[in-house]
């Protein structure tokens, strides 16, 4: 295993912070979008684990679109939003 590039290390730190926000349920759409952007950027800049980066980007996009869950901090602060179709 080689040492990661400096720019990819910074991107990985940004993605880790976004993941912490997602685990806490805080700023869910913003954190999901940030996770998606960083994972796509890492995948395009060259990585050995392309499939895992694409999977993480897809999960981040899905979470950004679906929004926070019932037990998230966002739901406690701003209330649970429902769409009746």
Protein backbone atom coordinates (compact mmCIF):
# COMPACT_ATOMS: atom_id res chain seq x y z
CA UNK A 1 0.00 0.00 0.00
CA UNK A 2 1.34 3.35 -0.98
CA UNK A 3 0.86 6.64 0.72
CA UNK A 4 -2.25 8.52 -0.53
CA UNK A 5 -1.84 11.73 -2.46
CA UNK A 6 -2.26 14.93 -0.48
CA UNK A 7 -5.29 16.09 -2.41
CA UNK A 8 -7.01 12.73 -2.05
CA UNK A 9 -6.23 12.76 1.68
CA UNK A 10 -7.98 16.12 1.99
CA UNK A 11 -10.93 14.77 0.01
CA UNK A 12 -11.06 11.69 2.23
CA UNK A 13 -11.14 13.91 5.33
CA UNK A 14 -14.01 15.93 3.83
CA UNK A 15 -15.87 12.70 3.04
CA UNK A 16 -15.26 11.42 6.58
CA UNK A 17 -16.67 14.64 8.08
CA UNK A 18 -19.71 14.33 5.80
CA UNK A 19 -20.10 10.73 6.98
CA UNK A 20 -20.02 11.85 10.61
CA UNK A 21 -22.75 14.39 9.87
CA UNK A 22 -24.78 11.63 8.21
CA UNK A 23 -24.33 9.32 11.19
CA UNK A 24 -25.47 12.08 13.51
CA UNK A 25 -28.38 12.93 11.24
CA UNK A 26 -27.40 16.55 10.92
CA UNK A 27 -27.63 18.49 7.63
CA UNK A 28 -28.51 15.26 5.86
CA UNK A 29 -29.12 16.56 2.30
CA UNK A 30 -26.00 18.75 2.37
CA UNK A 31 -23.81 16.00 3.83
CA UNK A 32 -25.12 13.45 1.31
CA UNK A 33 -24.43 15.77 -1.59
CA UNK A 34 -20.96 16.59 -0.24
CA UNK A 35 -20.22 12.88 0.15
CA UNK A 36 -21.35 12.24 -3.42
CA UNK A 37 -19.19 15.01 -4.85
CA UNK A 38 -16.07 13.96 -2.95
CA UNK A 39 -16.45 10.28 -3.85
CA UNK A 40 -16.92 11.07 -7.54
CA UNK A 41 -13.92 13.39 -7.42
CA UNK A 42 -11.78 10.67 -5.80
CA UNK A 43 -13.00 8.12 -8.37
CA UNK A 44 -12.18 10.42 -11.29
CA UNK A 45 -8.77 11.37 -9.93
CA UNK A 46 -7.70 7.73 -9.98
CA UNK A 47 -8.09 5.12 -7.30
CA UNK A 48 -7.55 1.40 -6.84
CA UNK A 49 -11.06 0.93 -5.42
CA UNK A 50 -13.28 2.34 -8.15
CA UNK A 51 -16.30 0.15 -7.36
CA UNK A 52 -16.40 1.13 -3.71
CA UNK A 53 -16.13 4.83 -4.60
CA UNK A 54 -19.04 4.52 -7.05
CA UNK A 55 -21.09 2.67 -4.41
CA UNK A 56 -20.39 5.34 -1.77
CA UNK A 57 -21.29 8.09 -4.24
CA UNK A 58 -24.59 6.35 -5.05
CA UNK A 59 -25.41 5.92 -1.36
CA UNK A 60 -24.60 9.57 -0.69
CA UNK A 61 -26.85 10.68 -3.55
CA UNK A 62 -29.69 8.46 -2.34
CA UNK A 63 -29.42 9.83 1.19
CA UNK A 64 -29.28 13.40 -0.10
CA UNK A 65 -32.48 12.87 -2.10
CA UNK A 66 -34.37 10.87 0.54
CA UNK A 67 -33.50 13.23 3.39
CA UNK A 68 -33.28 12.65 7.12
CA UNK A 69 -34.96 9.82 8.93
CA UNK A 70 -37.40 9.92 11.82
CA UNK A 71 -34.76 9.72 14.54
CA UNK A 72 -32.31 12.22 13.05
CA UNK A 73 -31.33 15.54 14.58
CA UNK A 74 -32.75 17.28 11.49
CA UNK A 75 -36.15 15.74 12.18
CA UNK A 76 -35.98 16.81 15.82
CA UNK A 77 -34.95 20.38 14.98
CA UNK A 78 -37.16 21.05 11.96
CA UNK A 79 -39.90 18.45 12.24
CA UNK A 80 -40.63 15.44 10.09
CA UNK A 81 -41.72 16.34 6.58
CA UNK A 82 -44.15 14.08 4.72
CA UNK A 83 -45.23 14.05 1.12
CA UNK A 84 -48.75 12.79 0.58
CA UNK A 85 -49.20 11.54 -2.95
